[in-house]
Amino acid sequence: YWLHRAQHAFRPLWEMHAIHHSQQQMTFWSDAREHVLSYVFYALVL
C-alpha cells in the first residue's frame, strides 16, 4: 500500500508507474504491466 502511494507521490517513480496506468483496455493481465525498475524497487523493499 505504501509502496504504491510512493509511486504516485514521487515523480521518477510515477513516470515508471505511469506505464501501468496508461493501459486504457484493462484486463486481468494488466497487473504485471510495470517498468523493470519498478520490479527492482518492489523486490528490494519486500
All heavy atoms as atom14 arrays in JSON, in Angstrom:
{
  "sequence": "YWLHRAQHAFRPLWEMHAIHHSQQQMTFWSDAREHVLSYVFYALVL",
  "atom14_mask": [
    [1, 1, 1, 1, 1, 1, 1, 1, 1, 1, 1, 1, 0, 0],
    [1, 1, 1, 1, 1, 1, 1, 1, 1, 1, 1, 1, 1, 1],
    [1, 1, 1, 1, 1, 1, 1, 1, 0, 0, 0, 0, 0, 0],
    [1, 1, 1, 1, 1, 1, 1, 1, 1, 1, 0, 0, 0, 0],
    [1, 1, 1, 1, 1, 1, 1, 1, 1, 1, 1, 0, 0, 0],
    [1, 1, 1, 1, 1, 0, 0, 0, 0, 0, 0, 0, 0, 0],
    [1, 1, 1, 1, 1, 1, 1, 1, 1, 0, 0, 0, 0, 0],
    [1, 1, 1, 1, 1, 1, 1, 1, 1, 1, 0, 0, 0, 0],
    [1, 1, 1, 1, 1, 0, 0, 0, 0, 0, 0, 0, 0, 0],
    [1, 1, 1, 1, 1, 1, 1, 1, 1, 1, 1, 0, 0, 0],
    [1, 1, 1, 1, 1, 1, 1, 1, 1, 1, 1, 0, 0, 0],
    [1, 1, 1, 1, 1, 1, 1, 0, 0, 0, 0, 0, 0, 0],
    [1, 1, 1, 1, 1, 1, 1, 1, 0, 0, 0, 0, 0, 0],
    [1, 1, 1, 1, 1, 1, 1, 1, 1, 1, 1, 1, 1, 1],
    [1, 1, 1, 1, 1, 1, 1, 1, 1, 0, 0, 0, 0, 0],
    [1, 1, 1, 1, 1, 1, 1, 1, 0, 0, 0, 0, 0, 0],
    [1, 1, 1, 1, 1, 1, 1, 1, 1, 1, 0, 0, 0, 0],
    [1, 1, 1, 1, 1, 0, 0, 0, 0, 0, 0, 0, 0, 0],
    [1, 1, 1, 1, 1, 1, 1, 1, 0, 0, 0, 0, 0, 0],
    [1, 1, 1, 1, 1, 1, 1, 1, 1, 1, 0, 0, 0, 0],
    [1, 1, 1, 1, 1, 1, 1, 1, 1, 1, 0, 0, 0, 0],
    [1, 1, 1, 1, 1, 1, 0, 0, 0, 0, 0, 0, 0, 0],
    [1, 1, 1, 1, 1, 1, 1, 1, 1, 0, 0, 0, 0, 0],
    [1, 1, 1, 1, 1, 1, 1, 1, 1, 0, 0, 0, 0, 0],
    [1, 1, 1, 1, 1, 1, 1, 1, 1, 0, 0, 0, 0, 0],
    [1, 1, 1, 1, 1, 1, 1, 1, 0, 0, 0, 0, 0, 0],
    [1, 1, 1, 1, 1, 1, 1, 0, 0, 0, 0, 0, 0, 0],
    [1, 1, 1, 1, 1, 1, 1, 1, 1, 1, 1, 0, 0, 0],
    [1, 1, 1, 1, 1, 1, 1, 1, 1, 1, 1, 1, 1, 1],
    [1, 1, 1, 1, 1, 1, 0, 0, 0, 0, 0, 0, 0, 0],
    [1, 1, 1, 1, 1, 1, 1, 1, 0, 0, 0, 0, 0, 0],
    [1, 1, 1, 1, 1, 0, 0, 0, 0, 0, 0, 0, 0, 0],
    [1, 1, 1, 1, 1, 1, 1, 1, 1, 1, 1, 0, 0, 0],
    [1, 1, 1, 1, 1, 1, 1, 1, 1, 0, 0, 0, 0, 0],
    [1, 1, 1, 1, 1, 1, 1, 1, 1, 1, 0, 0, 0, 0],
    [1, 1, 1, 1, 1, 1, 1, 0, 0, 0, 0, 0, 0, 0],
    [1, 1, 1, 1, 1, 1, 1, 1, 0, 0, 0, 0, 0, 0],
    [1, 1, 1, 1, 1, 1, 0, 0, 0, 0, 0, 0, 0, 0],
    [1, 1, 1, 1, 1, 1, 1, 1, 1, 1, 1, 1, 0, 0],
    [1, 1, 1, 1, 1, 1, 1, 0, 0, 0, 0, 0, 0, 0],
    [1, 1, 1, 1, 1, 1, 1, 1, 1, 1, 1, 0, 0, 0],
    [1, 1, 1, 1, 1, 1, 1, 1, 1, 1, 1, 1, 0, 0],
    [1, 1, 1, 1, 1, 0, 0, 0, 0, 0, 0, 0, 0, 0],
    [1, 1, 1, 1, 1, 1, 1, 1, 0, 0, 0, 0, 0, 0],
    [1, 1, 1, 1, 1, 1, 1, 0, 0, 0, 0, 0, 0, 0],
    [1, 1, 1, 1, 1, 1, 1, 1, 0, 0, 0, 0, 0, 0]
  ],
  "atom14_positions": [
    [[0.84, -1.2, 0.0], [0.0, 0.0, 0.0], [0.88, 1.25, 0.0], [0.67, 2.18, -0.79], [-0.93, -0.01, 1.22], [-1.64, 1.31, 1.45], [-2.8, 1.63, 0.75], [-1.13, 2.25, 2.36], [-3.44, 2.85, 0.95], [-1.77, 3.46, 2.56], [-2.92, 3.76, 1.86], [-3.55, 4.96, 2.05], [0.0, 0.0, 0.0], [0.0, 0.0, 0.0]],
    [[1.88, 1.28, 0.88], [2.74, 2.46, 0.98], [3.71, 2.57, -0.19], [4.03, 3.68, -0.63], [3.48, 2.46, 2.32], [2.55, 2.78, 3.45], [2.04, 1.92, 4.37], [1.97, 4.06, 3.74], [1.18, 2.57, 5.23], [1.13, 3.89, 4.87], [2.09, 5.33, 3.17], [0.41, 4.95, 5.43], [1.37, 6.39, 3.72], [0.55, 6.19, 4.85]],
    [[4.16, 1.45, -0.72], [4.99, 1.48, -1.93], [4.19, 2.07, -3.09], [4.72, 2.86, -3.89], [5.48, 0.08, -2.29], [6.5, -0.56, -1.35], [6.86, -1.96, -1.85], [7.76, 0.29, -1.26], [0.0, 0.0, 0.0], [0.0, 0.0, 0.0], [0.0, 0.0, 0.0], [0.0, 0.0, 0.0], [0.0, 0.0, 0.0], [0.0, 0.0, 0.0]],
    [[2.94, 1.66, -3.18], [2.07, 2.16, -4.26], [1.85, 3.66, -4.12], [1.9, 4.41, -5.12], [0.74, 1.4, -4.22], [-0.05, 1.51, -5.48], [-1.23, 0.83, -5.67], [0.14, 2.24, -6.62], [-1.71, 1.13, -6.87], [-0.9, 1.99, -7.45], [0.0, 0.0, 0.0], [0.0, 0.0, 0.0], [0.0, 0.0, 0.0], [0.0, 0.0, 0.0]],
    [[1.63, 4.13, -2.92], [1.47, 5.57, -2.71], [2.74, 6.32, -3.08], [2.69, 7.42, -3.64], [1.07, 5.84, -1.26], [-0.37, 5.49, -0.96], [-0.84, 6.03, 0.37], [-0.83, 7.5, 0.42], [-1.33, 8.22, 1.42], [-1.89, 7.6, 2.46], [-1.27, 9.53, 1.4], [0.0, 0.0, 0.0], [0.0, 0.0, 0.0], [0.0, 0.0, 0.0]],
    [[3.89, 5.72, -2.77], [5.16, 6.36, -3.13], [5.31, 6.47, -4.64], [5.83, 7.47, -5.14], [6.33, 5.56, -2.54], [0.0, 0.0, 0.0], [0.0, 0.0, 0.0], [0.0, 0.0, 0.0], [0.0, 0.0, 0.0], [0.0, 0.0, 0.0], [0.0, 0.0, 0.0], [0.0, 0.0, 0.0], [0.0, 0.0, 0.0], [0.0, 0.0, 0.0]],
    [[4.82, 5.46, -5.37], [4.9, 5.5, -6.82], [4.08, 6.65, -7.41], [4.39, 7.14, -8.49], [4.41, 4.17, -7.41], [5.4, 3.03, -7.26], [4.89, 1.76, -7.9], [3.85, 1.23, -7.51], [5.61, 1.27, -8.88], [0.0, 0.0, 0.0], [0.0, 0.0, 0.0], [0.0, 0.0, 0.0], [0.0, 0.0, 0.0], [0.0, 0.0, 0.0]],
    [[3.06, 7.06, -6.72], [2.23, 8.17, -7.18], [2.73, 9.52, -6.69], [2.49, 10.54, -7.33], [0.78, 7.97, -6.73], [0.03, 6.95, -7.52], [-1.03, 7.28, -8.34], [0.18, 5.6, -7.63], [-1.5, 6.18, -8.92], [-0.77, 5.15, -8.49], [0.0, 0.0, 0.0], [0.0, 0.0, 0.0], [0.0, 0.0, 0.0], [0.0, 0.0, 0.0]],
    [[3.43, 9.52, -5.56], [3.83, 10.79, -4.93], [5.14, 11.34, -5.45], [5.34, 12.56, -5.47], [3.91, 10.6, -3.42], [0.0, 0.0, 0.0], [0.0, 0.0, 0.0], [0.0, 0.0, 0.0], [0.0, 0.0, 0.0], [0.0, 0.0, 0.0], [0.0, 0.0, 0.0], [0.0, 0.0, 0.0], [0.0, 0.0, 0.0], [0.0, 0.0, 0.0]],
    [[6.08, 10.46, -5.86], [7.41, 10.9, -6.28], [7.55, 10.78, -7.79], [7.34, 9.7, -8.35], [8.49, 10.09, -5.56], [8.45, 10.26, -4.07], [7.87, 9.27, -3.27], [8.96, 11.39, -3.46], [7.82, 9.42, -1.89], [8.91, 11.55, -2.08], [8.33, 10.57, -1.3], [0.0, 0.0, 0.0], [0.0, 0.0, 0.0], [0.0, 0.0, 0.0]],
    [[7.92, 11.87, -8.43], [7.88, 11.97, -9.89], [8.64, 10.85, -10.62], [8.08, 10.25, -11.53], [8.4, 13.35, -10.31], [8.5, 13.55, -11.81], [7.16, 13.39, -12.52], [6.19, 14.37, -12.09], [4.98, 14.48, -12.61], [4.58, 13.67, -13.56], [4.14, 15.4, -12.16], [0.0, 0.0, 0.0], [0.0, 0.0, 0.0], [0.0, 0.0, 0.0]],
    [[9.91, 10.54, -10.27], [10.59, 9.46, -11.01], [9.85, 8.12, -10.91], [9.74, 7.4, -11.89], [11.98, 9.4, -10.36], [12.18, 10.74, -9.76], [10.81, 11.17, -9.29], [0.0, 0.0, 0.0], [0.0, 0.0, 0.0], [0.0, 0.0, 0.0], [0.0, 0.0, 0.0], [0.0, 0.0, 0.0], [0.0, 0.0, 0.0], [0.0, 0.0, 0.0]],
    [[9.36, 7.82, -9.69], [8.61, 6.58, -9.51], [7.31, 6.61, -10.31], [6.89, 5.59, -10.88], [8.32, 6.34, -8.03], [9.53, 6.09, -7.13], [9.09, 5.93, -5.69], [10.31, 4.86, -7.59], [0.0, 0.0, 0.0], [0.0, 0.0, 0.0], [0.0, 0.0, 0.0], [0.0, 0.0, 0.0], [0.0, 0.0, 0.0], [0.0, 0.0, 0.0]],
    [[6.67, 7.79, -10.37], [5.42, 7.89, -11.11], [5.65, 7.69, -12.61], [4.87, 7.01, -13.28], [4.74, 9.23, -10.87], [3.68, 9.5, -11.91], [3.71, 10.43, -12.92], [2.45, 8.77, -12.1], [2.58, 10.33, -13.7], [1.8, 9.32, -13.22], [1.84, 7.7, -11.42], [0.57, 8.85, -13.68], [0.61, 7.24, -11.87], [0.0, 7.8, -12.99]],
    [[6.72, 8.26, -13.16], [6.97, 8.13, -14.59], [7.17, 6.67, -14.98], [6.82, 6.27, -16.1], [8.19, 8.97, -15.0], [8.0, 10.48, -14.85], [6.89, 11.04, -15.73], [6.29, 10.28, -16.52], [6.61, 12.25, -15.62], [0.0, 0.0, 0.0], [0.0, 0.0, 0.0], [0.0, 0.0, 0.0], [0.0, 0.0, 0.0], [0.0, 0.0, 0.0]],
    [[7.71, 5.87, -14.07], [7.82, 4.43, -14.33], [6.45, 3.76, -14.17], [6.04, 2.95, -15.0], [8.85, 3.8, -13.39], [10.28, 4.23, -13.68], [11.49, 3.4, -12.64], [11.21, 4.18, -11.05], [0.0, 0.0, 0.0], [0.0, 0.0, 0.0], [0.0, 0.0, 0.0], [0.0, 0.0, 0.0], [0.0, 0.0, 0.0], [0.0, 0.0, 0.0]],
    [[5.76, 4.12, -13.11], [4.46, 3.51, -12.82], [3.38, 3.93, -13.82], [2.38, 3.23, -13.99], [4.03, 3.89, -11.4], [2.8, 3.2, -10.91], [2.65, 1.83, -10.91], [1.63, 3.7, -10.4], [1.46, 1.51, -10.42], [0.82, 2.63, -10.11], [0.0, 0.0, 0.0], [0.0, 0.0, 0.0], [0.0, 0.0, 0.0], [0.0, 0.0, 0.0]],
    [[3.61, 5.06, -14.49], [2.64, 5.55, -15.47], [2.42, 4.54, -16.6], [1.37, 4.53, -17.24], [3.1, 6.88, -16.05], [0.0, 0.0, 0.0], [0.0, 0.0, 0.0], [0.0, 0.0, 0.0], [0.0, 0.0, 0.0], [0.0, 0.0, 0.0], [0.0, 0.0, 0.0], [0.0, 0.0, 0.0], [0.0, 0.0, 0.0], [0.0, 0.0, 0.0]],
    [[3.42, 3.69, -16.85], [3.25, 2.6, -17.83], [2.03, 1.77, -17.45], [1.2, 1.41, -18.29], [4.5, 1.7, -17.87], [5.69, 2.46, -18.43], [4.23, 0.43, -18.68], [6.99, 1.67, -18.37], [0.0, 0.0, 0.0], [0.0, 0.0, 0.0], [0.0, 0.0, 0.0], [0.0, 0.0, 0.0], [0.0, 0.0, 0.0], [0.0, 0.0, 0.0]],
    [[1.92, 1.47, -16.18], [0.81, 0.66, -15.67], [-0.52, 1.38, -15.87], [-1.5, 0.78, -16.32], [1.05, 0.37, -14.19], [0.03, -0.51, -13.55], [-0.1, -1.85, -13.83], [-0.95, -0.23, -12.64], [-1.08, -2.36, -13.12], [-1.63, -1.4, -12.39], [0.0, 0.0, 0.0], [0.0, 0.0, 0.0], [0.0, 0.0, 0.0], [0.0, 0.0, 0.0]],
    [[-0.54, 2.67, -15.58], [-1.79, 3.44, -15.67], [-2.15, 3.81, -17.1], [-3.29, 4.2, -17.35], [-1.68, 4.7, -14.81], [-1.99, 4.45, -13.37], [-3.22, 4.71, -12.81], [-1.22, 3.93, -12.37], [-3.19, 4.38, -11.53], [-1.99, 3.91, -11.24], [0.0, 0.0, 0.0], [0.0, 0.0, 0.0], [0.0, 0.0, 0.0], [0.0, 0.0, 0.0]],
    [[-1.22, 3.72, -18.03], [-1.51, 4.11, -19.41], [-2.35, 3.08, -20.15], [-2.78, 3.34, -21.28], [-0.21, 4.37, -20.17], [0.53, 3.16, -20.34], [0.0, 0.0, 0.0], [0.0, 0.0, 0.0], [0.0, 0.0, 0.0], [0.0, 0.0, 0.0], [0.0, 0.0, 0.0], [0.0, 0.0, 0.0], [0.0, 0.0, 0.0], [0.0, 0.0, 0.0]],
    [[-2.61, 1.93, -19.54], [-3.44, 0.91, -20.18], [-4.9, 1.37, -20.17], [-5.52, 1.52, -19.12], [-3.3, -0.43, -19.45], [-4.18, -1.55, -19.99], [-3.96, -1.84, -21.46], [-4.43, -1.1, -22.33], [-3.24, -2.9, -21.76], [0.0, 0.0, 0.0], [0.0, 0.0, 0.0], [0.0, 0.0, 0.0], [0.0, 0.0, 0.0], [0.0, 0.0, 0.0]],
    [[-5.43, 1.61, -21.36], [-6.82, 2.05, -21.49], [-7.78, 0.89, -21.76], [-8.99, 1.11, -21.9], [-6.91, 3.09, -22.61], [-6.11, 4.35, -22.32], [-6.06, 5.3, -23.5], [-5.56, 4.97, -24.58], [-6.6, 6.49, -23.31], [0.0, 0.0, 0.0], [0.0, 0.0, 0.0], [0.0, 0.0, 0.0], [0.0, 0.0, 0.0], [0.0, 0.0, 0.0]],
    [[-7.21, -0.32, -21.84], [-8.01, -1.52, -22.08], [-7.64, -2.53, -21.01], [-6.91, -3.49, -21.23], [-7.71, -2.08, -23.48], [-8.62, -3.22, -23.91], [-10.02, -2.75, -24.22], [-10.28, -2.16, -25.25], [-10.95, -3.03, -23.31], [0.0, 0.0, 0.0], [0.0, 0.0, 0.0], [0.0, 0.0, 0.0], [0.0, 0.0, 0.0], [0.0, 0.0, 0.0]],
    [[-8.16, -2.32, -19.79], [-7.75, -3.13, -18.66], [-8.32, -4.54, -18.72], [-9.49, -4.75, -19.06], [-8.18, -2.47, -17.35], [-7.29, -1.31, -16.94], [-7.88, -0.55, -15.41], [-7.8, -1.94, -14.27], [0.0, 0.0, 0.0], [0.0, 0.0, 0.0], [0.0, 0.0, 0.0], [0.0, 0.0, 0.0], [0.0, 0.0, 0.0], [0.0, 0.0, 0.0]],
    [[-7.47, -5.52, -18.38], [-7.87, -6.91, -18.21], [-7.09, -7.48, -17.03], [-6.23, -6.8, -16.47], [-7.56, -7.77, -19.46], [-6.13, -7.91, -19.59], [-8.15, -7.16, -20.73], [0.0, 0.0, 0.0], [0.0, 0.0, 0.0], [0.0, 0.0, 0.0], [0.0, 0.0, 0.0], [0.0, 0.0, 0.0], [0.0, 0.0, 0.0], [0.0, 0.0, 0.0]],
    [[-7.36, -8.73, -16.7], [-6.65, -9.34, -15.57], [-5.16, -9.47, -15.83], [-4.37, -9.63, -14.9], [-7.26, -10.71, -15.23], [-7.15, -11.74, -16.31], [-6.07, -12.6, -16.38], [-8.16, -11.86, -17.27], [-5.98, -13.56, -17.38], [-8.09, -12.82, -18.28], [-6.99, -13.67, -18.33], [0.0, 0.0, 0.0], [0.0, 0.0, 0.0], [0.0, 0.0, 0.0]],
    [[-4.73, -9.37, -17.1], [-3.3, -9.43, -17.42], [-2.6, -8.11, -17.09], [-1.36, -8.06, -17.03], [-3.08, -9.73, -18.9], [-3.59, -11.06, -19.37], [-4.62, -11.27, -20.25], [-3.11, -12.36, -19.02], [-4.8, -12.62, -20.46], [-3.89, -13.32, -19.71], [-2.08, -12.81, -18.17], [-3.68, -14.69, -19.6], [-1.88, -14.18, -18.05], [-2.67, -15.1, -18.76]],
    [[-3.34, -7.04, -16.88], [-2.75, -5.7, -16.74], [-1.96, -5.52, -15.45], [-1.17, -4.58, -15.33], [-3.84, -4.63, -16.82], [-4.53, -4.69, -18.04], [0.0, 0.0, 0.0], [0.0, 0.0, 0.0], [0.0, 0.0, 0.0], [0.0, 0.0, 0.0], [0.0, 0.0, 0.0], [0.0, 0.0, 0.0], [0.0, 0.0, 0.0], [0.0, 0.0, 0.0]],
    [[-2.16, -6.39, -14.48], [-1.49, -6.25, -13.19], [0.03, -6.19, -13.34], [0.7, -5.43, -12.66], [-1.9, -7.42, -12.28], [-1.08, -7.48, -11.02], [-0.88, -6.41, -10.41], [-0.64, -8.57, -10.63], [0.0, 0.0, 0.0], [0.0, 0.0, 0.0], [0.0, 0.0, 0.0], [0.0, 0.0, 0.0], [0.0, 0.0, 0.0], [0.0, 0.0, 0.0]],
    [[0.6, -7.01, -14.24], [2.06, -7.13, -14.35], [2.69, -6.03, -15.2], [3.91, -5.99, -15.34], [2.42, -8.5, -14.93], [0.0, 0.0, 0.0], [0.0, 0.0, 0.0], [0.0, 0.0, 0.0], [0.0, 0.0, 0.0], [0.0, 0.0, 0.0], [0.0, 0.0, 0.0], [0.0, 0.0, 0.0], [0.0, 0.0, 0.0], [0.0, 0.0, 0.0]],
    [[1.91, -5.15, -15.75], [2.4, -4.11, -16.65], [3.15, -3.04, -15.85], [2.55, -2.12, -15.3], [1.19, -3.51, -17.38], [1.49, -2.39, -18.37], [0.17, -1.79, -18.81], [0.3, -0.66, -19.69], [0.09, -0.71, -21.02], [-0.26, -1.84, -21.59], [0.23, 0.38, -21.75], [0.0, 0.0, 0.0], [0.0, 0.0, 0.0], [0.0, 0.0, 0.0]],
    [[4.45, -3.16, -15.75], [5.27, -2.24, -14.96], [6.65, -2.05, -15.59], [7.07, -2.85, -16.43], [5.47, -2.77, -13.53], [4.29, -2.54, -12.6], [4.17, -1.1, -12.11], [4.98, -0.25, -12.53], [3.26, -0.83, -11.3], [0.0, 0.0, 0.0], [0.0, 0.0, 0.0], [0.0, 0.0, 0.0], [0.0, 0.0, 0.0], [0.0, 0.0, 0.0]],
    [[7.34, -1.02, -15.17], [8.71, -0.8, -15.61], [9.64, -1.76, -14.88], [9.39, -2.12, -13.73], [9.14, 0.65, -15.34], [10.34, 1.08, -16.12], [11.62, 0.78, -15.71], [10.45, 1.77, -17.29], [12.47, 1.29, -16.59], [11.79, 1.89, -17.55], [0.0, 0.0, 0.0], [0.0, 0.0, 0.0], [0.0, 0.0, 0.0], [0.0, 0.0, 0.0]],
    [[10.72, -2.17, -15.53], [11.64, -3.12, -14.91], [12.23, -2.54, -13.63], [12.47, -3.27, -12.65], [12.76, -3.53, -15.91], [13.61, -2.32, -16.3], [13.63, -4.63, -15.32], [0.0, 0.0, 0.0], [0.0, 0.0, 0.0], [0.0, 0.0, 0.0], [0.0, 0.0, 0.0], [0.0, 0.0, 0.0], [0.0, 0.0, 0.0], [0.0, 0.0, 0.0]],
    [[12.45, -1.21, -13.58], [12.98, -0.6, -12.36], [11.96, -0.6, -11.23], [12.33, -0.59, -10.06], [13.45, 0.83, -12.65], [14.65, 0.94, -13.61], [15.03, 2.4, -13.81], [15.84, 0.15, -13.08], [0.0, 0.0, 0.0], [0.0, 0.0, 0.0], [0.0, 0.0, 0.0], [0.0, 0.0, 0.0], [0.0, 0.0, 0.0], [0.0, 0.0, 0.0]],
    [[10.68, -0.63, -11.58], [9.64, -0.78, -10.55], [9.73, -2.16, -9.91], [9.52, -2.31, -8.7], [8.25, -0.56, -11.14], [8.07, 0.78, -11.53], [0.0, 0.0, 0.0], [0.0, 0.0, 0.0], [0.0, 0.0, 0.0], [0.0, 0.0, 0.0], [0.0, 0.0, 0.0], [0.0, 0.0, 0.0], [0.0, 0.0, 0.0], [0.0, 0.0, 0.0]],
    [[10.02, -3.17, -10.74], [10.21, -4.52, -10.19], [11.39, -4.55, -9.23], [11.34, -5.18, -8.17], [10.44, -5.53, -11.32], [9.17, -6.0, -11.99], [8.72, -5.42, -13.17], [8.42, -7.03, -11.43], [7.54, -5.85, -13.78], [7.25, -7.46, -12.03], [6.82, -6.87, -13.2], [5.66, -7.3, -13.79], [0.0, 0.0, 0.0], [0.0, 0.0, 0.0]],
    [[12.48, -3.87, -9.6], [13.65, -3.8, -8.73], [13.29, -3.1, -7.42], [13.63, -3.57, -6.33], [14.8, -3.06, -9.44], [15.97, -2.85, -8.48], [15.26, -3.82, -10.67], [0.0, 0.0, 0.0], [0.0, 0.0, 0.0], [0.0, 0.0, 0.0], [0.0, 0.0, 0.0], [0.0, 0.0, 0.0], [0.0, 0.0, 0.0], [0.0, 0.0, 0.0]],
    [[12.56, -1.99, -7.52], [12.14, -1.22, -6.35], [11.32, -2.09, -5.4], [11.61, -2.18, -4.2], [11.33, -0.01, -6.84], [10.67, 0.8, -5.76], [11.4, 1.42, -4.76], [9.28, 0.95, -5.74], [10.78, 2.18, -3.78], [8.65, 1.7, -4.76], [9.42, 2.32, -3.78], [0.0, 0.0, 0.0], [0.0, 0.0, 0.0], [0.0, 0.0, 0.0]],
    [[10.3, -2.75, -5.93], [9.45, -3.61, -5.1], [10.23, -4.78, -4.51], [10.08, -5.12, -3.34], [8.27, -4.13, -5.92], [7.03, -3.27, -5.83], [6.91, -2.1, -6.58], [5.97, -3.62, -5.0], [5.78, -1.3, -6.5], [4.83, -2.83, -4.91], [4.74, -1.67, -5.67], [3.62, -0.89, -5.57], [0.0, 0.0, 0.0], [0.0, 0.0, 0.0]],
    [[11.07, -5.39, -5.34], [11.81, -6.58, -4.88], [12.75, -6.23, -3.74], [12.85, -6.98, -2.75], [12.59, -7.19, -6.04], [0.0, 0.0, 0.0], [0.0, 0.0, 0.0], [0.0, 0.0, 0.0], [0.0, 0.0, 0.0], [0.0, 0.0, 0.0], [0.0, 0.0, 0.0], [0.0, 0.0, 0.0], [0.0, 0.0, 0.0], [0.0, 0.0, 0.0]],
    [[13.45, -5.12, -3.85], [14.39, -4.73, -2.8], [13.67, -4.42, -1.5], [14.09, -4.86, -0.42], [15.2, -3.51, -3.25], [16.24, -3.76, -4.34], [16.88, -2.45, -4.78], [17.32, -4.72, -3.86], [0.0, 0.0, 0.0], [0.0, 0.0, 0.0], [0.0, 0.0, 0.0], [0.0, 0.0, 0.0], [0.0, 0.0, 0.0], [0.0, 0.0, 0.0]],
    [[12.56, -3.67, -1.59], [11.84, -3.31, -0.37], [11.23, -4.55, 0.29], [11.33, -4.75, 1.51], [10.75, -2.26, -0.66], [9.9, -2.0, 0.58], [11.37, -0.96, -1.14], [0.0, 0.0, 0.0], [0.0, 0.0, 0.0], [0.0, 0.0, 0.0], [0.0, 0.0, 0.0], [0.0, 0.0, 0.0], [0.0, 0.0, 0.0], [0.0, 0.0, 0.0]],
    [[10.59, -5.4, -0.51], [9.95, -6.59, 0.06], [11.0, -7.57, 0.6], [10.74, -8.29, 1.58], [9.07, -7.27, -0.98], [7.78, -6.51, -1.32], [7.05, -7.18, -2.47], [6.86, -6.43, -0.11], [0.0, 0.0, 0.0], [0.0, 0.0, 0.0], [0.0, 0.0, 0.0], [0.0, 0.0, 0.0], [0.0, 0.0, 0.0], [0.0, 0.0, 0.0]]
  ]
}
